[in-house]
Amino acid sequence: MLGLLFTRGAIQPPKPVSTDCGSEPTVTAVLDQFRDHRLVLLGEQHQRKEFHEFLQSLIHDPRFLERVNDVVVEFGNARYQDVVDRYVAGADVSLSALRPAWRDTTQLLVWDSPMYEEFFRSIRELNQGAPAGRRLRVLLGDPPIDWSVVTDKASYGRFIERDETFAGVVEREVLARGRSALLVIGGEHVLRTPDGEALSAHPGLGDLLKKRNPPAAVAIFTVPAKRPLAGYANCYPLLLSASGEVGGRSFGDLVQPGIKVRRMVNGELKWVSMEAAEWPRVREKMDALLWLGPAETLVPAPPAVLKDRSYILELHRRARIMSDFFGFDLTEGLPPVPQG
């Protein structure tokens, strides 16, 4: 268990966060969290250019290599850990061998945005110029699904506990080895259940880390562009502590419109819109908020990917299986199968 790896103690609050706008002070504020915490959870907004620009600024800061050993990512199938290890270490790994790491996950098409491939390439380039003892490792946090043997909802269901898999990777590869890590995962996953409330039957990463080892992690939620922080709308990038005035606001003011989450409704687990769910105060859900400004530039999969008939056919096959499991049609969000 994660809780066995550290001495229990009071949760350390996040470092005081500067209200200075700009990339440099915000990168500094994030890196300062590693002084008291082994893990920093950074909530990603999938395919958002502004988020990945900030992530690139963060990992390219010289202090990152000094304070961080690993980056654990949602956008990678743990089955391909050996391939990614060799790639980021500088070995000769072809793109065709590397690409399944982000294509063959439990998700559909999301990670085909070129920004994810660019992330792996950036880590490889950073490692080439780093001393042997300071090279970064990228750990893949999505379940090790093998789509060649997944044919129905039962076989897919064996890989559904994504947060549990991610937490297990953190436990074995980071905490048990006395290392520190940046955890990059979708924003909902970093959130925590307020004290006194029952955990979900399928707790997220934030809850799992809080339950097993509270002092280890600090959680940073990236504020959606459509939910600007009152008083800070034109001040970005910016990291704000949830212990301040912002933390007293309702988290419902910050949720991304249009996203659905699983919640217990009359004793049954159902998908509901985030806006419809009831929310506590911001400070009960996270430690800090990252505001990247009012622009939300999405970078989807390039046209070449959407014209790959065999790949799109396979995605439709996977979507039908997943639709049977979740109970709603996931094929509607996919591109049509190219004629051939």
C-alpha atoms as a PDB file:
ATOM      1  CA  MET A   1       0.000   0.000   0.000  1.00  0.00           C
ATOM      2  CA  LEU A   2       1.131   3.537  -0.637  1.00  0.00           C
ATOM      3  CA  GLY A   3       0.613   4.456   2.999  1.00  0.00           C
ATOM      4  CA  LEU A   4       3.382   2.095   4.094  1.00  0.00           C
ATOM      5  CA  LEU A   5       6.021   3.935   2.143  1.00  0.00           C
ATOM      6  CA  PHE A   6       6.060   7.118   4.214  1.00  0.00           C
ATOM      7  CA  THR A   7       5.772   8.123   7.834  1.00  0.00           C
ATOM      8  CA  ARG A   8       2.247   9.316   8.474  1.00  0.00           C
ATOM      9  CA  GLY A   9       1.920  12.967   9.372  1.00  0.00           C
ATOM     10  CA  ALA A  10       0.010  16.145   8.826  1.00  0.00           C
ATOM     11  CA  ILE A  11      -0.613  17.119   5.223  1.00  0.00           C
ATOM     12  CA  GLN A  12       1.856  19.795   4.189  1.00  0.00           C
ATOM     13  CA  PRO A  13       0.079  22.776   2.636  1.00  0.00           C
ATOM     14  CA  PRO A  14       1.252  23.931  -0.793  1.00  0.00           C
ATOM     15  CA  LYS A  15       3.980  26.536  -0.896  1.00  0.00           C
ATOM     16  CA  PRO A  16       2.731  30.136  -0.945  1.00  0.00           C
ATOM     17  CA  VAL A  17       1.906  30.862  -4.567  1.00  0.00           C
ATOM     18  CA  SER A  18       2.878  34.123  -6.222  1.00  0.00           C
ATOM     19  CA  THR A  19       0.221  36.247  -7.856  1.00  0.00           C
ATOM     20  CA  ASP A  20       2.794  37.452 -10.398  1.00  0.00           C
ATOM     21  CA  CYS A  21       1.635  36.772 -13.936  1.00  0.00           C
ATOM     22  CA  GLY A  22       3.838  35.101 -16.483  1.00  0.00           C
ATOM     23  CA  SER A  23       5.475  31.836 -17.383  1.00  0.00           C
ATOM     24  CA  GLU A  24       8.646  32.185 -15.292  1.00  0.00           C
ATOM     25  CA  PRO A  25       7.024  32.895 -11.890  1.00  0.00           C
ATOM     26  CA  THR A  26       4.362  30.265 -12.540  1.00  0.00           C
ATOM     27  CA  VAL A  27       6.917  27.603 -13.464  1.00  0.00           C
ATOM     28  CA  THR A  28       8.828  28.543 -10.308  1.00  0.00           C
ATOM     29  CA  ALA A  29       5.655  28.232  -8.224  1.00  0.00           C
ATOM     30  CA  VAL A  30       5.003  24.712  -9.553  1.00  0.00           C
ATOM     31  CA  LEU A  31       8.607  23.592  -9.058  1.00  0.00           C
ATOM     32  CA  ASP A  32       8.598  24.954  -5.500  1.00  0.00           C
ATOM     33  CA  GLN A  33       5.944  22.365  -4.612  1.00  0.00           C
ATOM     34  CA  PHE A  34       8.610  19.657  -4.915  1.00  0.00           C
ATOM     35  CA  ARG A  35      10.404  21.053  -1.860  1.00  0.00           C
ATOM     36  CA  ASP A  36       7.772  19.542   0.449  1.00  0.00           C
ATOM     37  CA  HIS A  37       6.059  16.970  -1.783  1.00  0.00           C
ATOM     38  CA  ARG A  38       7.306  13.968  -3.699  1.00  0.00           C
ATOM     39  CA  LEU A  39       4.411  14.116  -6.142  1.00  0.00           C
ATOM     40  CA  VAL A  40       2.810  17.023  -7.985  1.00  0.00           C
ATOM     41  CA  LEU A  41      -0.462  16.186  -9.745  1.00  0.00           C
ATOM     42  CA  LEU A  42      -0.982  18.483 -12.727  1.00  0.00           C
ATOM     43  CA  GLY A  43      -4.463  18.302 -14.219  1.00  0.00           C
ATOM     44  CA  GLU A  44      -4.228  18.240 -18.005  1.00  0.00           C
ATOM     45  CA  GLN A  45      -6.780  19.616 -20.445  1.00  0.00           C
ATOM     46  CA  HIS A  46      -6.550  17.158 -23.297  1.00  0.00           C
ATOM     47  CA  GLN A  47      -5.302  18.472 -26.649  1.00  0.00           C
ATOM     48  CA  ARG A  48      -5.161  22.066 -25.371  1.00  0.00           C
ATOM     49  CA  LYS A  49      -2.202  23.896 -26.887  1.00  0.00           C
ATOM     50  CA  GLU A  50      -1.875  26.392 -24.030  1.00  0.00           C
ATOM     51  CA  PHE A  51      -1.528  23.597 -21.484  1.00  0.00           C
ATOM     52  CA  HIS A  52       1.146  21.804 -23.476  1.00  0.00           C
ATOM     53  CA  GLU A  53       3.052  25.025 -24.036  1.00  0.00           C
ATOM     54  CA  PHE A  54       3.181  25.470 -20.276  1.00  0.00           C
ATOM     55  CA  LEU A  55       4.157  21.813 -19.779  1.00  0.00           C
ATOM     56  CA  GLN A  56       7.026  22.269 -22.229  1.00  0.00           C
ATOM     57  CA  SER A  57       8.169  25.402 -20.353  1.00  0.00           C
ATOM     58  CA  LEU A  58       8.058  23.435 -17.116  1.00  0.00           C
ATOM     59  CA  ILE A  59      10.097  20.430 -18.244  1.00  0.00           C
ATOM     60  CA  HIS A  60      12.649  22.609 -20.055  1.00  0.00           C
ATOM     61  CA  ASP A  61      13.395  24.698 -16.964  1.00  0.00           C
ATOM     62  CA  PRO A  62      16.891  23.655 -15.719  1.00  0.00           C
ATOM     63  CA  ARG A  63      15.497  23.214 -12.191  1.00  0.00           C
ATOM     64  CA  PHE A  64      13.112  20.503 -13.371  1.00  0.00           C
ATOM     65  CA  LEU A  65      15.926  17.976 -13.820  1.00  0.00           C
ATOM     66  CA  GLU A  66      17.261  18.911 -10.397  1.00  0.00           C
ATOM     67  CA  ARG A  67      13.990  18.280  -8.559  1.00  0.00           C
ATOM     68  CA  VAL A  68      12.089  15.677 -10.594  1.00  0.00           C
ATOM     69  CA  ASN A  69      13.024  12.095 -11.459  1.00  0.00           C
ATOM     70  CA  ASP A  70       9.963  10.873 -13.336  1.00  0.00           C
ATOM     71  CA  VAL A  71       6.959  12.102 -15.301  1.00  0.00           C
ATOM     72  CA  VAL A  72       3.948   9.776 -15.052  1.00  0.00           C
ATOM     73  CA  VAL A  73       1.447  10.321 -17.868  1.00  0.00           C
ATOM     74  CA  GLU A  74      -2.102   9.270 -18.604  1.00  0.00           C
ATOM     75  CA  PHE A  75      -1.429   9.242 -22.346  1.00  0.00           C
ATOM     76  CA  GLY A  76       0.503   5.973 -22.491  1.00  0.00           C
ATOM     77  CA  ASN A  77      -0.280   2.251 -22.306  1.00  0.00           C
ATOM     78  CA  ALA A  78       1.808   0.643 -19.534  1.00  0.00           C
ATOM     79  CA  ARG A  79       2.236  -2.395 -21.782  1.00  0.00           C
ATOM     80  CA  TYR A  80       4.762  -0.370 -23.798  1.00  0.00           C
ATOM     81  CA  GLN A  81       6.895   0.802 -20.865  1.00  0.00           C
ATOM     82  CA  ASP A  82      10.024  -0.954 -22.134  1.00  0.00           C
ATOM     83  CA  VAL A  83       9.669   0.684 -25.557  1.00  0.00           C
ATOM     84  CA  VAL A  84       9.317   4.167 -24.061  1.00  0.00           C
ATOM     85  CA  ASP A  85      12.197   3.548 -21.650  1.00  0.00           C
ATOM     86  CA  ARG A  86      14.478   2.756 -24.568  1.00  0.00           C
ATOM     87  CA  TYR A  87      13.216   5.693 -26.619  1.00  0.00           C
ATOM     88  CA  VAL A  88      13.658   8.412 -23.979  1.00  0.00           C
ATOM     89  CA  ALA A  89      17.075   6.943 -23.115  1.00  0.00           C
ATOM     90  CA  GLY A  90      18.177   7.652 -26.699  1.00  0.00           C
ATOM     91  CA  ALA A  91      17.972   4.187 -28.249  1.00  0.00           C
ATOM     92  CA  ASP A  92      17.076   3.723 -31.913  1.00  0.00           C
ATOM     93  CA  VAL A  93      13.295   3.215 -31.717  1.00  0.00           C
ATOM     94  CA  SER A  94      11.178   3.725 -34.827  1.00  0.00           C
ATOM     95  CA  LEU A  95       7.995   5.787 -34.762  1.00  0.00           C
ATOM     96  CA  SER A  96       5.993   2.713 -35.796  1.00  0.00           C
ATOM     97  CA  ALA A  97       7.274   0.906 -32.690  1.00  0.00           C
ATOM     98  CA  LEU A  98       6.688   3.909 -30.416  1.00  0.00           C
ATOM     99  CA  ARG A  99       3.279   5.041 -31.669  1.00  0.00           C
ATOM    100  CA  PRO A 100       1.220   2.200 -30.065  1.00  0.00           C
ATOM    101  CA  ALA A 101       2.236   3.550 -26.643  1.00  0.00           C
ATOM    102  CA  TRP A 102      -0.311   6.368 -27.046  1.00  0.00           C
ATOM    103  CA  ARG A 103      -2.578   4.859 -29.699  1.00  0.00           C
ATOM    104  CA  ASP A 104      -3.400   1.552 -28.014  1.00  0.00           C
ATOM    105  CA  THR A 105      -4.744   2.926 -24.720  1.00  0.00           C
ATOM    106  CA  THR A 106      -8.177   2.567 -23.174  1.00  0.00           C
ATOM    107  CA  GLN A 107      -9.128   5.886 -24.835  1.00  0.00           C
ATOM    108  CA  LEU A 108     -10.058   6.779 -28.426  1.00  0.00           C
ATOM    109  CA  LEU A 109      -8.060   9.075 -30.727  1.00  0.00           C
ATOM    110  CA  VAL A 110      -7.345  11.680 -28.012  1.00  0.00           C
ATOM    111  CA  TRP A 111      -3.610  11.098 -27.850  1.00  0.00           C
ATOM    112  CA  ASP A 112      -3.137  11.244 -31.632  1.00  0.00           C
ATOM    113  CA  SER A 113      -2.736  14.997 -31.285  1.00  0.00           C
ATOM    114  CA  PRO A 114       0.882  15.700 -32.313  1.00  0.00           C
ATOM    115  CA  MET A 115       1.540  17.376 -28.957  1.00  0.00           C
ATOM    116  CA  TYR A 116       1.792  13.990 -27.221  1.00  0.00           C
ATOM    117  CA  GLU A 117       4.408  12.673 -29.608  1.00  0.00           C
ATOM    118  CA  GLU A 118       6.223  15.993 -29.149  1.00  0.00           C
ATOM    119  CA  PHE A 119       6.240  15.463 -25.375  1.00  0.00           C
ATOM    120  CA  PHE A 120       8.047  12.115 -25.668  1.00  0.00           C
ATOM    121  CA  ARG A 121      10.498  13.610 -28.161  1.00  0.00           C
ATOM    122  CA  SER A 122      11.200  16.531 -25.812  1.00  0.00           C
ATOM    123  CA  ILE A 123      12.065  14.201 -22.938  1.00  0.00           C
ATOM    124  CA  ARG A 124      14.379  12.231 -25.213  1.00  0.00           C
ATOM    125  CA  GLU A 125      16.168  15.432 -26.260  1.00  0.00           C
ATOM    126  CA  LEU A 126      16.447  16.648 -22.661  1.00  0.00           C
ATOM    127  CA  ASN A 127      17.984  13.342 -21.612  1.00  0.00           C
ATOM    128  CA  GLN A 128      20.605  13.548 -24.345  1.00  0.00           C
ATOM    129  CA  GLY A 129      22.031  16.670 -22.726  1.00  0.00           C
ATOM    130  CA  ALA A 130      21.586  15.597 -19.095  1.00  0.00           C
ATOM    131  CA  PRO A 131      24.092  13.877 -16.768  1.00  0.00           C
ATOM    132  CA  ALA A 132      23.499  10.142 -16.410  1.00  0.00           C
ATOM    133  CA  GLY A 133      22.156  10.492 -12.881  1.00  0.00           C
ATOM    134  CA  ARG A 134      19.661  13.222 -13.768  1.00  0.00           C
ATOM    135  CA  ARG A 135      17.910  11.757 -16.800  1.00  0.00           C
ATOM    136  CA  LEU A 136      14.133  11.697 -16.736  1.00  0.00           C
ATOM    137  CA  ARG A 137      12.002   8.615 -16.979  1.00  0.00           C
ATOM    138  CA  VAL A 138       8.516   8.708 -18.490  1.00  0.00           C
ATOM    139  CA  LEU A 139       6.142   6.257 -16.832  1.00  0.00           C
ATOM    140  CA  LEU A 140       2.966   5.163 -18.600  1.00  0.00           C
ATOM    141  CA  GLY A 141      -0.086   5.209 -16.356  1.00  0.00           C
ATOM    142  CA  ASP A 142      -2.890   3.786 -18.513  1.00  0.00           C
ATOM    143  CA  PRO A 143      -3.793   0.093 -18.044  1.00  0.00           C
ATOM    144  CA  PRO A 144      -1.782  -2.428 -20.122  1.00  0.00           C
ATOM    145  CA  ILE A 145      -4.669  -3.257 -22.435  1.00  0.00           C
ATOM    146  CA  ASP A 146      -4.022  -5.549 -25.407  1.00  0.00           C
ATOM    147  CA  TRP A 147      -6.648  -4.706 -27.990  1.00  0.00           C
ATOM    148  CA  SER A 148      -5.827  -7.789 -30.042  1.00  0.00           C
ATOM    149  CA  VAL A 149      -7.572  -9.907 -27.388  1.00  0.00           C
ATOM    150  CA  VAL A 150     -10.317  -7.451 -26.353  1.00  0.00           C
ATOM    151  CA  THR A 151     -13.464  -8.477 -28.198  1.00  0.00           C
ATOM    152  CA  ASP A 152     -16.383  -7.597 -25.897  1.00  0.00           C
ATOM    153  CA  LYS A 153     -17.356  -5.469 -22.923  1.00  0.00           C
ATOM    154  CA  ALA A 154     -16.282  -8.138 -20.442  1.00  0.00           C
ATOM    155  CA  SER A 155     -12.732  -8.265 -21.767  1.00  0.00           C
ATOM    156  CA  TYR A 156     -12.613  -4.456 -21.932  1.00  0.00           C
ATOM    157  CA  GLY A 157     -13.941  -4.172 -18.388  1.00  0.00           C
ATOM    158  CA  ARG A 158     -10.819  -5.813 -16.992  1.00  0.00           C
ATOM    159  CA  PHE A 159      -8.930  -2.619 -17.833  1.00  0.00           C
ATOM    160  CA  ILE A 160     -11.415  -0.016 -16.637  1.00  0.00           C
ATOM    161  CA  GLU A 161      -9.807   0.871 -13.306  1.00  0.00           C
ATOM    162  CA  ARG A 162      -7.520   3.471 -14.866  1.00  0.00           C
ATOM    163  CA  ASP A 163      -6.845   5.496 -11.719  1.00  0.00           C
ATOM    164  CA  GLU A 164      -5.970   2.373  -9.751  1.00  0.00           C
ATOM    165  CA  THR A 165      -3.491   1.378 -12.450  1.00  0.00           C
ATOM    166  CA  PHE A 166      -1.972   4.861 -12.481  1.00  0.00           C
ATOM    167  CA  ALA A 167      -1.662   4.865  -8.670  1.00  0.00           C
ATOM    168  CA  GLY A 168      -0.005   1.442  -8.802  1.00  0.00           C
ATOM    169  CA  VAL A 169       2.619   2.739 -11.227  1.00  0.00           C
ATOM    170  CA  VAL A 170       3.308   5.663  -8.884  1.00  0.00           C
ATOM    171  CA  GLU A 171       3.559   3.296  -5.923  1.00  0.00           C
ATOM    172  CA  ARG A 172       5.982   0.831  -7.508  1.00  0.00           C
ATOM    173  CA  GLU A 173       8.094   3.024  -9.729  1.00  0.00           C
ATOM    174  CA  VAL A 174       8.228   6.341  -7.849  1.00  0.00           C
ATOM    175  CA  LEU A 175       7.450   6.134  -4.138  1.00  0.00           C
ATOM    176  CA  ALA A 176       8.956   2.712  -3.474  1.00  0.00           C
ATOM    177  CA  ARG A 177      12.184   3.868  -5.118  1.00  0.00           C
ATOM    178  CA  GLY A 178      12.424   7.113  -3.178  1.00  0.00           C
ATOM    179  CA  ARG A 179      11.923   9.243  -6.282  1.00  0.00           C
ATOM    180  CA  SER A 180       9.847  12.321  -7.099  1.00  0.00           C
ATOM    181  CA  ALA A 181       7.459  12.734 -10.018  1.00  0.00           C
ATOM    182  CA  LEU A 182       5.227  15.085 -11.960  1.00  0.00           C
ATOM    183  CA  LEU A 183       1.912  13.335 -12.634  1.00  0.00           C
ATOM    184  CA  VAL A 184       0.125  14.533 -15.782  1.00  0.00           C
ATOM    185  CA  ILE A 185      -3.460  13.319 -15.954  1.00  0.00           C
ATOM    186  CA  GLY A 186      -6.876  14.718 -16.859  1.00  0.00           C
ATOM    187  CA  GLY A 187      -8.153  17.375 -14.479  1.00  0.00           C
ATOM    188  CA  GLU A 188     -11.009  15.364 -12.968  1.00  0.00           C
ATOM    189  CA  HIS A 189      -8.564  12.660 -11.860  1.00  0.00           C
ATOM    190  CA  VAL A 190      -6.566  14.987  -9.575  1.00  0.00           C
ATOM    191  CA  LEU A 191      -9.620  16.100  -7.577  1.00  0.00           C
ATOM    192  CA  ARG A 192     -10.267  14.872  -4.053  1.00  0.00           C
ATOM    193  CA  THR A 193     -13.402  14.011  -2.115  1.00  0.00           C
ATOM    194  CA  PRO A 194     -13.955  16.355   0.856  1.00  0.00           C
ATOM    195  CA  ASP A 195     -13.330  14.946   4.317  1.00  0.00           C
ATOM    196  CA  GLY A 196     -16.433  13.305   5.724  1.00  0.00           C
ATOM    197  CA  GLU A 197     -17.871  12.311   2.362  1.00  0.00           C
ATOM    198  CA  ALA A 198     -17.857   8.707   1.222  1.00  0.00           C
ATOM    199  CA  LEU A 199     -15.436   7.848  -1.564  1.00  0.00           C
ATOM    200  CA  SER A 200     -16.762   6.782  -4.933  1.00  0.00           C
ATOM    201  CA  ALA A 201     -16.814   3.085  -5.727  1.00  0.00           C
ATOM    202  CA  HIS A 202     -14.210   3.994  -8.350  1.00  0.00           C
ATOM    203  CA  PRO A 203     -12.032   6.631  -6.644  1.00  0.00           C
ATOM    204  CA  GLY A 204      -9.828   8.909  -8.735  1.00  0.00           C
ATOM    205  CA  LEU A 205      -6.097   9.346  -8.436  1.00  0.00           C
ATOM    206  CA  GLY A 206      -6.419  12.326  -6.086  1.00  0.00           C
ATOM    207  CA  ASP A 207      -8.517  10.270  -3.662  1.00  0.00           C
ATOM    208  CA  LEU A 208      -6.291   7.207  -3.909  1.00  0.00           C
ATOM    209  CA  LEU A 209      -3.167   9.180  -3.043  1.00  0.00           C
ATOM    210  CA  LYS A 210      -4.938  11.078  -0.270  1.00  0.00           C
ATOM    211  CA  LYS A 211      -6.221   7.853   1.284  1.00  0.00           C
ATOM    212  CA  ARG A 212      -2.980   5.883   1.075  1.00  0.00           C
ATOM    213  CA  ASN A 213      -0.416   8.566   1.692  1.00  0.00           C
ATOM    214  CA  PRO A 214      -1.746  12.073   2.364  1.00  0.00           C
ATOM    215  CA  PRO A 215       1.570  13.933   2.796  1.00  0.00           C
ATOM    216  CA  ALA A 216       3.028  12.788  -0.518  1.00  0.00           C
ATOM    217  CA  ALA A 217       1.093  14.723  -3.133  1.00  0.00           C
ATOM    218  CA  VAL A 218      -0.063  18.224  -4.003  1.00  0.00           C
ATOM    219  CA  ALA A 219      -2.902  18.548  -6.518  1.00  0.00           C
ATOM    220  CA  ILE A 220      -3.062  21.328  -9.120  1.00  0.00           C
ATOM    221  CA  PHE A 221      -6.243  21.762 -11.158  1.00  0.00           C
ATOM    222  CA  THR A 222      -6.061  23.620 -14.478  1.00  0.00           C
ATOM    223  CA  VAL A 223      -8.948  26.066 -14.763  1.00  0.00           C
ATOM    224  CA  PRO A 224     -10.892  25.715 -18.038  1.00  0.00           C
ATOM    225  CA  ALA A 225     -10.595  28.671 -20.402  1.00  0.00           C
ATOM    226  CA  LYS A 226     -14.375  29.053 -20.377  1.00  0.00           C
ATOM    227  CA  ARG A 227     -14.335  29.528 -16.595  1.00  0.00           C
ATOM    228  CA  PRO A 228     -11.990  32.495 -16.053  1.00  0.00           C
ATOM    229  CA  LEU A 229     -11.033  33.325 -12.486  1.00  0.00           C
ATOM    230  CA  ALA A 230     -12.779  36.525 -11.421  1.00  0.00           C
ATOM    231  CA  GLY A 231     -10.136  39.116 -10.724  1.00  0.00           C
ATOM    232  CA  TYR A 232      -7.420  37.243 -12.614  1.00  0.00           C
ATOM    233  CA  ALA A 233      -8.905  36.864 -16.093  1.00  0.00           C
ATOM    234  CA  ASN A 234      -6.086  38.812 -17.765  1.00  0.00           C
ATOM    235  CA  CYS A 235      -3.278  37.539 -15.527  1.00  0.00           C
ATOM    236  CA  TYR A 236      -1.761  34.339 -16.894  1.00  0.00           C
ATOM    237  CA  PRO A 237      -0.089  31.928 -16.655  1.00  0.00           C
ATOM    238  CA  LEU A 238      -0.794  32.022 -12.936  1.00  0.00           C
ATOM    239  CA  LEU A 239      -0.771  29.564 -10.034  1.00  0.00           C
ATOM    240  CA  LEU A 240      -3.053  30.348  -7.100  1.00  0.00           C
ATOM    241  CA  SER A 241      -3.213  28.544  -3.779  1.00  0.00           C
ATOM    242  CA  ALA A 242      -6.619  27.104  -2.912  1.00  0.00           C
ATOM    243  CA  SER A 243      -6.008  28.161   0.688  1.00  0.00           C
ATOM    244  CA  GLY A 244      -6.696  31.776  -0.309  1.00  0.00           C
ATOM    245  CA  GLU A 245      -9.840  33.627  -1.330  1.00  0.00           C
ATOM    246  CA  VAL A 246     -10.294  31.568  -4.487  1.00  0.00           C
ATOM    247  CA  GLY A 247     -10.497  28.411  -2.398  1.00  0.00           C
ATOM    248  CA  GLY A 248     -13.687  29.616  -0.768  1.00  0.00           C
ATOM    249  CA  ARG A 249     -15.584  29.672  -4.041  1.00  0.00           C
ATOM    250  CA  SER A 250     -17.770  26.817  -5.260  1.00  0.00           C
ATOM    251  CA  PHE A 251     -15.928  24.344  -7.437  1.00  0.00           C
ATOM    252  CA  GLY A 252     -19.021  24.333  -9.635  1.00  0.00           C
ATOM    253  CA  ASP A 253     -17.886  27.712 -10.940  1.00  0.00           C
ATOM    254  CA  LEU A 254     -14.801  26.080 -12.472  1.00  0.00           C
ATOM    255  CA  VAL A 255     -16.021  22.849 -14.047  1.00  0.00           C
ATOM    256  CA  GLN A 256     -15.617  22.383 -17.784  1.00  0.00           C
ATOM    257  CA  PRO A 257     -18.962  22.684 -19.611  1.00  0.00           C
ATOM    258  CA  GLY A 258     -20.068  19.637 -21.543  1.00  0.00           C
ATOM    259  CA  ILE A 259     -18.026  17.006 -19.677  1.00  0.00           C
ATOM    260  CA  LYS A 260     -19.763  14.066 -18.004  1.00  0.00           C
ATOM    261  CA  VAL A 261     -18.676  12.344 -14.803  1.00  0.00           C
ATOM    262  CA  ARG A 262     -19.819   9.184 -13.059  1.00  0.00           C
ATOM    263  CA  ARG A 263     -21.844   9.814  -9.911  1.00  0.00           C
ATOM    264  CA  MET A 264     -24.067   7.747  -7.635  1.00  0.00           C
ATOM    265  CA  VAL A 265     -27.714   8.620  -8.362  1.00  0.00           C
ATOM    266  CA  ASN A 266     -30.324   6.858  -6.221  1.00  0.00           C
ATOM    267  CA  GLY A 267     -27.820   4.126  -5.460  1.00  0.00           C
ATOM    268  CA  GLU A 268     -26.857   3.601  -9.099  1.00  0.00           C
ATOM    269  CA  LEU A 269     -23.663   4.745 -10.834  1.00  0.00           C
ATOM    270  CA  LYS A 270     -24.637   7.009 -13.732  1.00  0.00           C
ATOM    271  CA  TRP A 271     -23.051   9.529 -16.099  1.00  0.00           C
ATOM    272  CA  VAL A 272     -24.134  13.104 -15.367  1.00  0.00           C
ATOM    273  CA  SER A 273     -22.930  16.476 -16.643  1.00  0.00           C
ATOM    274  CA  MET A 274     -20.356  18.142 -14.428  1.00  0.00           C
ATOM    275  CA  GLU A 275     -22.573  21.225 -14.246  1.00  0.00           C
ATOM    276  CA  ALA A 276     -25.432  19.111 -12.833  1.00  0.00           C
ATOM    277  CA  ALA A 277     -23.322  17.546 -10.095  1.00  0.00           C
ATOM    278  CA  GLU A 278     -23.233  19.148  -6.657  1.00  0.00           C
ATOM    279  CA  TRP A 279     -19.823  20.549  -5.700  1.00  0.00           C
ATOM    280  CA  PRO A 280     -18.095  21.673  -2.487  1.00  0.00           C
ATOM    281  CA  ARG A 281     -15.655  24.546  -2.091  1.00  0.00           C
ATOM    282  CA  VAL A 282     -12.572  24.740  -4.268  1.00  0.00           C
ATOM    283  CA  ARG A 283     -10.146  24.171  -1.380  1.00  0.00           C
ATOM    284  CA  GLU A 284     -11.834  20.861  -0.551  1.00  0.00           C
ATOM    285  CA  LYS A 285     -11.081  19.500  -4.023  1.00  0.00           C
ATOM    286  CA  MET A 286      -7.458  20.581  -4.672  1.00  0.00           C
ATOM    287  CA  ASP A 287      -4.449  22.483  -3.364  1.00  0.00           C
ATOM    288  CA  ALA A 288      -3.862  25.005  -6.156  1.00  0.00           C
ATOM    289  CA  LEU A 289      -5.284  26.292  -9.434  1.00  0.00           C
ATOM    290  CA  LEU A 290      -3.429  26.845 -12.685  1.00  0.00           C
ATOM    291  CA  TRP A 291      -4.920  29.565 -14.910  1.00  0.00           C
ATOM    292  CA  LEU A 292      -3.616  29.631 -18.497  1.00  0.00           C
ATOM    293  CA  GLY A 293      -5.805  32.377 -19.880  1.00  0.00           C
ATOM    294  CA  PRO A 294      -9.016  32.704 -21.904  1.00  0.00           C
ATOM    295  CA  ALA A 295      -7.704  31.049 -25.088  1.00  0.00           C
ATOM    296  CA  GLU A 296      -8.451  27.378 -25.646  1.00  0.00           C
ATOM    297  CA  THR A 297      -6.715  26.177 -28.799  1.00  0.00           C
ATOM    298  CA  LEU A 298      -7.361  22.506 -29.402  1.00  0.00           C
ATOM    299  CA  VAL A 299      -4.899  20.564 -31.552  1.00  0.00           C
ATOM    300  CA  PRO A 300      -6.626  17.384 -32.768  1.00  0.00           C
ATOM    301  CA  ALA A 301      -5.250  14.463 -34.724  1.00  0.00           C
ATOM    302  CA  PRO A 302      -3.759  15.552 -38.073  1.00  0.00           C
ATOM    303  CA  PRO A 303      -5.506  14.736 -41.395  1.00  0.00           C
ATOM    304  CA  ALA A 304      -3.055  11.908 -42.159  1.00  0.00           C
ATOM    305  CA  VAL A 305      -4.290  10.012 -39.101  1.00  0.00           C
ATOM    306  CA  LEU A 306      -7.942  10.489 -40.051  1.00  0.00           C
ATOM    307  CA  LYS A 307      -7.232   9.090 -43.531  1.00  0.00           C
ATOM    308  CA  ASP A 308      -5.651   5.908 -42.177  1.00  0.00           C
ATOM    309  CA  ARG A 309      -8.481   3.520 -43.023  1.00  0.00           C
ATOM    310  CA  SER A 310      -7.244   0.498 -41.069  1.00  0.00           C
ATOM    311  CA  TYR A 311      -6.658   2.558 -37.937  1.00  0.00           C
ATOM    312  CA  ILE A 312     -10.050   4.331 -38.085  1.00  0.00           C
ATOM    313  CA  LEU A 313     -11.766   0.983 -38.661  1.00  0.00           C
ATOM    314  CA  GLU A 314     -10.043  -0.378 -35.569  1.00  0.00           C
ATOM    315  CA  LEU A 315     -11.106   2.658 -33.537  1.00  0.00           C
ATOM    316  CA  HIS A 316     -14.721   2.080 -34.557  1.00  0.00           C
ATOM    317  CA  ARG A 317     -14.405  -1.545 -33.442  1.00  0.00           C
ATOM    318  CA  ARG A 318     -13.045  -0.430 -30.078  1.00  0.00           C
ATOM    319  CA  ALA A 319     -15.749   2.230 -29.759  1.00  0.00           C
ATOM    320  CA  ARG A 320     -18.511  -0.344 -30.229  1.00  0.00           C
ATOM    321  CA  ILE A 321     -17.038  -2.471 -27.449  1.00  0.00           C
ATOM    322  CA  MET A 322     -16.688   0.537 -25.163  1.00  0.00           C
ATOM    323  CA  SER A 323     -20.227   1.688 -25.987  1.00  0.00           C
ATOM    324  CA  ASP A 324     -21.571  -1.668 -24.826  1.00  0.00           C
ATOM    325  CA  PHE A 325     -19.634  -1.276 -21.587  1.00  0.00           C
ATOM    326  CA  PHE A 326     -20.522   2.343 -20.770  1.00  0.00           C
ATOM    327  CA  GLY A 327     -24.054   2.326 -22.107  1.00  0.00           C
ATOM    328  CA  PHE A 328     -23.861   5.195 -24.595  1.00  0.00           C
ATOM    329  CA  ASP A 329     -22.644   5.534 -28.177  1.00  0.00           C
ATOM    330  CA  LEU A 330     -18.975   6.417 -28.453  1.00  0.00           C
ATOM    331  CA  THR A 331     -18.820   5.960 -32.218  1.00  0.00           C
ATOM    332  CA  GLU A 332     -20.567   9.321 -32.740  1.00  0.00           C
ATOM    333  CA  GLY A 333     -17.425  11.196 -31.757  1.00  0.00           C
ATOM    334  CA  LEU A 334     -15.192   9.371 -34.230  1.00  0.00           C
ATOM    335  CA  PRO A 335     -14.389  10.422 -37.800  1.00  0.00           C
ATOM    336  CA  PRO A 336     -16.068   8.412 -40.561  1.00  0.00           C
ATOM    337  CA  VAL A 337     -14.189   5.452 -41.976  1.00  0.00           C
ATOM    338  CA  PRO A 338     -12.324   6.624 -45.104  1.00  0.00           C
ATOM    339  CA  GLN A 339     -13.431   5.064 -48.368  1.00  0.00           C
ATOM    340  CA  GLY A 340     -11.057   2.491 -49.752  1.00  0.00           C
END
